[in-house]
N, C-alpha and C. Protein backbone atom coordinates (compact mmCIF):
# COMPACT_ATOMS: atom_id res chain seq x y z
N MET A 1 40.10 -42.86 3.69
CA MET A 1 39.62 -42.40 2.40
C MET A 1 40.51 -42.88 1.26
N LEU A 2 41.80 -42.93 1.51
CA LEU A 2 42.71 -43.37 0.45
C LEU A 2 42.46 -44.82 0.07
N VAL A 3 42.13 -45.63 1.06
CA VAL A 3 41.95 -47.06 0.81
C VAL A 3 40.52 -47.38 0.37
N ASP A 4 39.56 -46.72 0.97
CA ASP A 4 38.16 -47.09 0.77
C ASP A 4 37.46 -46.39 -0.39
N SER A 5 38.12 -45.49 -1.06
CA SER A 5 37.47 -44.80 -2.17
C SER A 5 38.39 -44.77 -3.38
N ASP A 6 37.81 -44.40 -4.51
CA ASP A 6 38.60 -44.26 -5.73
C ASP A 6 38.90 -42.80 -6.03
N ARG A 7 38.71 -41.93 -5.06
CA ARG A 7 39.05 -40.52 -5.24
C ARG A 7 40.56 -40.39 -5.44
N THR A 8 40.94 -39.37 -6.19
CA THR A 8 42.36 -39.12 -6.37
C THR A 8 42.94 -38.62 -5.06
N VAL A 9 44.26 -38.67 -4.96
CA VAL A 9 44.93 -38.16 -3.77
C VAL A 9 44.60 -36.67 -3.60
N ALA A 10 44.56 -35.93 -4.68
CA ALA A 10 44.22 -34.50 -4.61
C ALA A 10 42.81 -34.31 -4.07
N GLU A 11 41.86 -35.11 -4.52
CA GLU A 11 40.48 -34.99 -4.03
C GLU A 11 40.40 -35.28 -2.54
N VAL A 12 41.13 -36.28 -2.09
CA VAL A 12 41.16 -36.60 -0.66
C VAL A 12 41.77 -35.42 0.11
N ALA A 13 42.85 -34.88 -0.40
CA ALA A 13 43.50 -33.74 0.26
C ALA A 13 42.53 -32.58 0.41
N TYR A 14 41.83 -32.23 -0.66
CA TYR A 14 40.86 -31.13 -0.59
C TYR A 14 39.73 -31.46 0.39
N GLN A 15 39.27 -32.69 0.38
CA GLN A 15 38.15 -33.09 1.23
C GLN A 15 38.51 -32.97 2.71
N ILE A 16 39.75 -33.23 3.07
CA ILE A 16 40.12 -33.15 4.49
C ILE A 16 40.65 -31.78 4.88
N GLY A 17 40.62 -30.83 3.94
CA GLY A 17 40.92 -29.46 4.31
C GLY A 17 42.21 -28.86 3.79
N TYR A 18 42.99 -29.63 3.05
CA TYR A 18 44.23 -29.08 2.48
C TYR A 18 43.88 -28.25 1.25
N LYS A 19 44.53 -27.12 1.11
CA LYS A 19 44.33 -26.28 -0.08
C LYS A 19 45.33 -26.64 -1.17
N ASP A 20 46.37 -27.38 -0.79
CA ASP A 20 47.43 -27.76 -1.73
C ASP A 20 47.70 -29.26 -1.59
N PRO A 21 47.37 -30.05 -2.60
CA PRO A 21 47.59 -31.50 -2.50
C PRO A 21 49.05 -31.88 -2.32
N HIS A 22 49.96 -31.05 -2.82
CA HIS A 22 51.38 -31.35 -2.64
C HIS A 22 51.78 -31.23 -1.18
N HIS A 23 51.20 -30.27 -0.49
CA HIS A 23 51.46 -30.11 0.94
C HIS A 23 50.93 -31.34 1.70
N PHE A 24 49.74 -31.79 1.33
CA PHE A 24 49.18 -32.99 1.94
C PHE A 24 50.11 -34.19 1.72
N SER A 25 50.57 -34.38 0.49
CA SER A 25 51.44 -35.51 0.18
C SER A 25 52.73 -35.45 0.99
N ARG A 26 53.29 -34.26 1.11
CA ARG A 26 54.53 -34.10 1.88
C ARG A 26 54.28 -34.41 3.36
N ASP A 27 53.20 -33.87 3.92
CA ASP A 27 52.87 -34.15 5.32
C ASP A 27 52.58 -35.63 5.54
N PHE A 28 51.86 -36.24 4.60
CA PHE A 28 51.52 -37.65 4.71
C PHE A 28 52.79 -38.50 4.71
N LYS A 29 53.71 -38.19 3.80
CA LYS A 29 54.95 -38.96 3.72
C LYS A 29 55.79 -38.78 4.98
N ASN A 30 55.83 -37.57 5.51
CA ASN A 30 56.58 -37.34 6.76
C ASN A 30 55.98 -38.13 7.92
N ALA A 31 54.67 -38.27 7.94
CA ALA A 31 53.99 -38.96 9.03
C ALA A 31 54.05 -40.48 8.91
N THR A 32 54.00 -41.00 7.67
CA THR A 32 53.88 -42.45 7.49
C THR A 32 55.12 -43.10 6.88
N GLY A 33 55.98 -42.30 6.27
CA GLY A 33 57.16 -42.86 5.62
C GLY A 33 56.91 -43.32 4.19
N GLN A 34 55.70 -43.11 3.70
CA GLN A 34 55.40 -43.47 2.31
C GLN A 34 54.42 -42.47 1.72
N SER A 35 54.43 -42.40 0.40
CA SER A 35 53.53 -41.46 -0.27
C SER A 35 52.10 -41.95 -0.15
N PRO A 36 51.13 -41.05 -0.31
CA PRO A 36 49.74 -41.49 -0.27
C PRO A 36 49.43 -42.57 -1.30
N LYS A 37 50.00 -42.44 -2.49
CA LYS A 37 49.74 -43.44 -3.53
C LYS A 37 50.32 -44.80 -3.14
N SER A 38 51.54 -44.82 -2.61
CA SER A 38 52.14 -46.08 -2.16
C SER A 38 51.35 -46.68 -1.02
N PHE A 39 50.92 -45.83 -0.09
CA PHE A 39 50.11 -46.29 1.03
C PHE A 39 48.85 -46.97 0.53
N ARG A 40 48.17 -46.32 -0.41
CA ARG A 40 46.94 -46.88 -0.98
C ARG A 40 47.20 -48.24 -1.59
N CYS A 41 48.22 -48.35 -2.40
CA CYS A 41 48.53 -49.62 -3.06
C CYS A 41 48.87 -50.71 -2.06
N ASN A 42 49.69 -50.38 -1.07
CA ASN A 42 50.09 -51.37 -0.05
C ASN A 42 48.90 -51.82 0.77
N GLU A 43 48.05 -50.90 1.17
CA GLU A 43 46.88 -51.26 1.98
C GLU A 43 45.88 -52.09 1.20
N ARG A 44 45.66 -51.73 -0.05
CA ARG A 44 44.71 -52.49 -0.86
C ARG A 44 45.24 -53.90 -1.16
N ALA A 45 46.55 -54.05 -1.25
CA ALA A 45 47.13 -55.36 -1.52
C ALA A 45 46.93 -56.30 -0.33
N GLN A 46 46.81 -55.73 0.86
CA GLN A 46 46.64 -56.54 2.06
C GLN A 46 45.19 -56.97 2.29
N LEU A 47 44.26 -56.39 1.54
CA LEU A 47 42.83 -56.74 1.73
C LEU A 47 42.49 -58.05 1.11
């Protein structure tokens, strides 16, 4: 969703069930080593 849509990170967080986008961002960074915004930019640059 982060790569394939123009939804904000908060909208993606809500859509997948997070009630707090900051919690989503923290969990995402812990899992991937980068913020959702950085991930989106890096992935889109590779397309």
